């Protein structure tokens, strides 16, 4: 993992594909775009069955601070309730063939599996060991 630094030219290129939505939109409006905003606030405006690939990397159930937002470790049951609170609304957007990559740490993987297996068909799990984490010279 490395921090990506964008140039002014990069910003100009990516800004061309950046959209905000605050009312229902057809699929054609969002193809090849980046939607900027609160995911849960925008979910009702996105068309159903429009997602081919869903990559999720929510805060792990750890005591961590990201910018100004702090996350506190909670019980497995509370973490499951939190994950289901935002995962279940995503389901209407998935196609029957959608692939989901759900990132998590080893401690929360059982909870993640519980949520995924209750609402989707889990075909595979990918696990690897990261020895040093973000910013490591070798992984």
C-alpha atoms as a PDB file:
ATOM      1  CA  UNK A   1       0.000   0.000   0.000  1.00  0.00           C
ATOM      2  CA  UNK A   2       1.254   3.413  -0.909  1.00  0.00           C
ATOM      3  CA  UNK A   3      -0.284   6.830  -0.673  1.00  0.00           C
ATOM      4  CA  UNK A   4      -1.197   8.089  -4.124  1.00  0.00           C
ATOM      5  CA  UNK A   5      -0.398  11.734  -4.750  1.00  0.00           C
ATOM      6  CA  UNK A   6      -2.385  13.324  -7.556  1.00  0.00           C
ATOM      7  CA  UNK A   7      -1.050  16.122  -9.720  1.00  0.00           C
ATOM      8  CA  UNK A   8      -3.187  19.058 -10.827  1.00  0.00           C
ATOM      9  CA  UNK A   9      -3.503  17.307 -14.195  1.00  0.00           C
ATOM     10  CA  UNK A  10      -4.706  14.120 -12.451  1.00  0.00           C
ATOM     11  CA  UNK A  11      -7.337  16.122 -10.571  1.00  0.00           C
ATOM     12  CA  UNK A  12      -8.573  17.667 -13.811  1.00  0.00           C
ATOM     13  CA  UNK A  13      -8.879  14.262 -15.484  1.00  0.00           C
ATOM     14  CA  UNK A  14     -10.683  12.567 -12.584  1.00  0.00           C
ATOM     15  CA  UNK A  15     -12.932  15.567 -11.907  1.00  0.00           C
ATOM     16  CA  UNK A  16     -14.459  15.092 -15.373  1.00  0.00           C
ATOM     17  CA  UNK A  17     -15.947  11.788 -14.200  1.00  0.00           C
ATOM     18  CA  UNK A  18     -17.042  12.956 -10.739  1.00  0.00           C
ATOM     19  CA  UNK A  19     -20.783  13.287 -10.162  1.00  0.00           C
ATOM     20  CA  UNK A  20     -23.121  14.031  -7.257  1.00  0.00           C
ATOM     21  CA  UNK A  21     -26.602  12.560  -7.160  1.00  0.00           C
ATOM     22  CA  UNK A  22     -29.562  13.621  -5.056  1.00  0.00           C
ATOM     23  CA  UNK A  23     -32.453  12.092  -6.979  1.00  0.00           C
ATOM     24  CA  UNK A  24     -33.066   8.794  -8.802  1.00  0.00           C
ATOM     25  CA  UNK A  25     -30.826   8.300 -11.827  1.00  0.00           C
ATOM     26  CA  UNK A  26     -30.863   5.783 -14.679  1.00  0.00           C
ATOM     27  CA  UNK A  27     -27.957   3.402 -15.079  1.00  0.00           C
ATOM     28  CA  UNK A  28     -26.640   5.306 -18.106  1.00  0.00           C
ATOM     29  CA  UNK A  29     -26.018   8.355 -15.915  1.00  0.00           C
ATOM     30  CA  UNK A  30     -23.583   6.574 -13.606  1.00  0.00           C
ATOM     31  CA  UNK A  31     -21.640   4.331 -15.999  1.00  0.00           C
ATOM     32  CA  UNK A  32     -17.912   5.200 -16.045  1.00  0.00           C
ATOM     33  CA  UNK A  33     -18.283   7.802 -13.320  1.00  0.00           C
ATOM     34  CA  UNK A  34     -17.177   8.274  -9.737  1.00  0.00           C
ATOM     35  CA  UNK A  35     -20.050   9.122  -7.441  1.00  0.00           C
ATOM     36  CA  UNK A  36     -19.062  11.464  -4.623  1.00  0.00           C
ATOM     37  CA  UNK A  37     -21.067  11.555  -1.410  1.00  0.00           C
ATOM     38  CA  UNK A  38     -22.405   9.550   1.501  1.00  0.00           C
ATOM     39  CA  UNK A  39     -23.037   6.030   0.228  1.00  0.00           C
ATOM     40  CA  UNK A  40     -26.023   5.346   2.456  1.00  0.00           C
ATOM     41  CA  UNK A  41     -27.632   8.689   1.586  1.00  0.00           C
ATOM     42  CA  UNK A  42     -27.306   7.955  -2.139  1.00  0.00           C
ATOM     43  CA  UNK A  43     -28.398   4.303  -2.150  1.00  0.00           C
ATOM     44  CA  UNK A  44     -32.085   5.092  -2.701  1.00  0.00           C
ATOM     45  CA  UNK A  45     -31.190   7.041  -5.858  1.00  0.00           C
ATOM     46  CA  UNK A  46     -29.143   4.313  -7.527  1.00  0.00           C
ATOM     47  CA  UNK A  47     -30.797   1.848  -9.898  1.00  0.00           C
ATOM     48  CA  UNK A  48     -31.391  -1.725  -8.740  1.00  0.00           C
ATOM     49  CA  UNK A  49     -29.173  -4.578  -9.965  1.00  0.00           C
ATOM     50  CA  UNK A  50     -26.486  -2.240 -11.288  1.00  0.00           C
ATOM     51  CA  UNK A  51     -23.359  -3.541  -9.526  1.00  0.00           C
ATOM     52  CA  UNK A  52     -21.018  -6.067 -11.152  1.00  0.00           C
ATOM     53  CA  UNK A  53     -18.186  -5.772  -8.624  1.00  0.00           C
ATOM     54  CA  UNK A  54     -18.509  -4.580  -5.029  1.00  0.00           C
ATOM     55  CA  UNK A  55     -15.329  -3.882  -3.059  1.00  0.00           C
ATOM     56  CA  UNK A  56     -15.924  -3.196   0.626  1.00  0.00           C
ATOM     57  CA  UNK A  57     -13.224  -2.105   3.064  1.00  0.00           C
ATOM     58  CA  UNK A  58     -15.070  -0.810   6.124  1.00  0.00           C
ATOM     59  CA  UNK A  59     -13.399   0.066   9.411  1.00  0.00           C
ATOM     60  CA  UNK A  60     -12.279  -3.124  11.095  1.00  0.00           C
ATOM     61  CA  UNK A  61     -13.542  -3.810  14.589  1.00  0.00           C
ATOM     62  CA  UNK A  62     -10.474  -2.187  16.149  1.00  0.00           C
ATOM     63  CA  UNK A  63      -9.690   0.894  18.201  1.00  0.00           C
ATOM     64  CA  UNK A  64      -8.505   3.223  15.415  1.00  0.00           C
ATOM     65  CA  UNK A  65      -8.662   6.856  14.387  1.00  0.00           C
ATOM     66  CA  UNK A  66      -8.961   7.858  10.720  1.00  0.00           C
ATOM     67  CA  UNK A  67      -8.630  11.597  10.321  1.00  0.00           C
ATOM     68  CA  UNK A  68     -11.242  13.068  12.637  1.00  0.00           C
ATOM     69  CA  UNK A  69     -13.284   9.889  13.009  1.00  0.00           C
ATOM     70  CA  UNK A  70     -12.545   7.446  15.828  1.00  0.00           C
ATOM     71  CA  UNK A  71     -13.733   3.842  15.897  1.00  0.00           C
ATOM     72  CA  UNK A  72     -13.930   1.832  19.100  1.00  0.00           C
ATOM     73  CA  UNK A  73     -13.820  -1.950  19.224  1.00  0.00           C
ATOM     74  CA  UNK A  74     -17.220  -3.423  20.092  1.00  0.00           C
ATOM     75  CA  UNK A  75     -18.564  -6.903  20.713  1.00  0.00           C
ATOM     76  CA  UNK A  76     -18.864  -9.254  17.746  1.00  0.00           C
ATOM     77  CA  UNK A  77     -22.645  -8.981  17.936  1.00  0.00           C
ATOM     78  CA  UNK A  78     -22.551  -5.167  17.862  1.00  0.00           C
ATOM     79  CA  UNK A  79     -20.111  -5.248  14.940  1.00  0.00           C
ATOM     80  CA  UNK A  80     -22.408  -7.652  13.066  1.00  0.00           C
ATOM     81  CA  UNK A  81     -25.377  -5.327  13.659  1.00  0.00           C
ATOM     82  CA  UNK A  82     -23.331  -2.360  12.420  1.00  0.00           C
ATOM     83  CA  UNK A  83     -22.174  -4.216   9.277  1.00  0.00           C
ATOM     84  CA  UNK A  84     -25.693  -5.424   8.478  1.00  0.00           C
ATOM     85  CA  UNK A  85     -26.973  -1.867   8.943  1.00  0.00           C
ATOM     86  CA  UNK A  86     -25.151  -0.678   5.840  1.00  0.00           C
ATOM     87  CA  UNK A  87     -24.637  -3.984   3.975  1.00  0.00           C
ATOM     88  CA  UNK A  88     -28.296  -5.018   3.712  1.00  0.00           C
ATOM     89  CA  UNK A  89     -29.304  -1.772   1.922  1.00  0.00           C
ATOM     90  CA  UNK A  90     -26.625  -2.529  -0.699  1.00  0.00           C
ATOM     91  CA  UNK A  91     -28.213  -5.860  -1.630  1.00  0.00           C
ATOM     92  CA  UNK A  92     -30.867  -4.401  -3.935  1.00  0.00           C
ATOM     93  CA  UNK A  93     -28.106  -2.991  -6.133  1.00  0.00           C
ATOM     94  CA  UNK A  94     -26.379  -6.335  -6.674  1.00  0.00           C
ATOM     95  CA  UNK A  95     -26.833  -8.431  -9.784  1.00  0.00           C
ATOM     96  CA  UNK A  96     -27.202 -12.203  -9.370  1.00  0.00           C
ATOM     97  CA  UNK A  97     -23.646 -12.454 -10.722  1.00  0.00           C
ATOM     98  CA  UNK A  98     -22.064  -9.697  -8.616  1.00  0.00           C
ATOM     99  CA  UNK A  99     -18.652 -10.464  -7.154  1.00  0.00           C
ATOM    100  CA  UNK A 100     -18.018  -9.093  -3.658  1.00  0.00           C
ATOM    101  CA  UNK A 101     -14.609  -8.500  -2.122  1.00  0.00           C
ATOM    102  CA  UNK A 102     -15.047  -7.725   1.568  1.00  0.00           C
ATOM    103  CA  UNK A 103     -11.850  -6.727   3.369  1.00  0.00           C
ATOM    104  CA  UNK A 104     -11.420  -7.394   7.063  1.00  0.00           C
ATOM    105  CA  UNK A 105      -8.924  -8.503   9.651  1.00  0.00           C
ATOM    106  CA  UNK A 106      -8.719 -12.002  11.089  1.00  0.00           C
ATOM    107  CA  UNK A 107     -10.592 -11.011  14.250  1.00  0.00           C
ATOM    108  CA  UNK A 108     -13.664  -9.812  12.383  1.00  0.00           C
ATOM    109  CA  UNK A 109     -13.613 -12.407   9.585  1.00  0.00           C
ATOM    110  CA  UNK A 110     -16.055 -14.706  11.406  1.00  0.00           C
ATOM    111  CA  UNK A 111     -18.580 -11.872  11.738  1.00  0.00           C
ATOM    112  CA  UNK A 112     -18.101 -10.864   8.105  1.00  0.00           C
ATOM    113  CA  UNK A 113     -18.673 -14.460   7.009  1.00  0.00           C
ATOM    114  CA  UNK A 114     -21.802 -14.625   9.168  1.00  0.00           C
ATOM    115  CA  UNK A 115     -23.256 -11.530   7.476  1.00  0.00           C
ATOM    116  CA  UNK A 116     -22.245 -12.540   3.954  1.00  0.00           C
ATOM    117  CA  UNK A 117     -23.483 -16.115   4.253  1.00  0.00           C
ATOM    118  CA  UNK A 118     -26.832 -14.921   5.604  1.00  0.00           C
ATOM    119  CA  UNK A 119     -27.444 -12.668   2.591  1.00  0.00           C
ATOM    120  CA  UNK A 120     -25.312 -13.967  -0.298  1.00  0.00           C
ATOM    121  CA  UNK A 121     -23.667 -17.122  -1.576  1.00  0.00           C
ATOM    122  CA  UNK A 122     -20.088 -17.290  -0.346  1.00  0.00           C
ATOM    123  CA  UNK A 123     -18.029 -19.205  -2.889  1.00  0.00           C
ATOM    124  CA  UNK A 124     -14.481 -18.501  -1.722  1.00  0.00           C
ATOM    125  CA  UNK A 125     -12.480 -16.779   0.962  1.00  0.00           C
ATOM    126  CA  UNK A 126      -9.087 -15.238   0.305  1.00  0.00           C
ATOM    127  CA  UNK A 127      -6.737 -14.953   3.270  1.00  0.00           C
ATOM    128  CA  UNK A 128      -3.187 -13.711   3.368  1.00  0.00           C
ATOM    129  CA  UNK A 129      -0.713 -12.652   6.013  1.00  0.00           C
ATOM    130  CA  UNK A 130       0.517  -9.094   5.984  1.00  0.00           C
ATOM    131  CA  UNK A 131       3.568  -8.874   8.145  1.00  0.00           C
ATOM    132  CA  UNK A 132       4.045  -5.134   8.371  1.00  0.00           C
ATOM    133  CA  UNK A 133       0.904  -3.443   7.051  1.00  0.00           C
ATOM    134  CA  UNK A 134       0.480  -0.093   5.347  1.00  0.00           C
ATOM    135  CA  UNK A 135       3.659   1.546   4.168  1.00  0.00           C
ATOM    136  CA  UNK A 136       5.804  -1.576   4.502  1.00  0.00           C
ATOM    137  CA  UNK A 137       8.714  -1.924   2.107  1.00  0.00           C
ATOM    138  CA  UNK A 138       7.893  -5.622   1.714  1.00  0.00           C
ATOM    139  CA  UNK A 139       4.552  -7.339   2.135  1.00  0.00           C
END
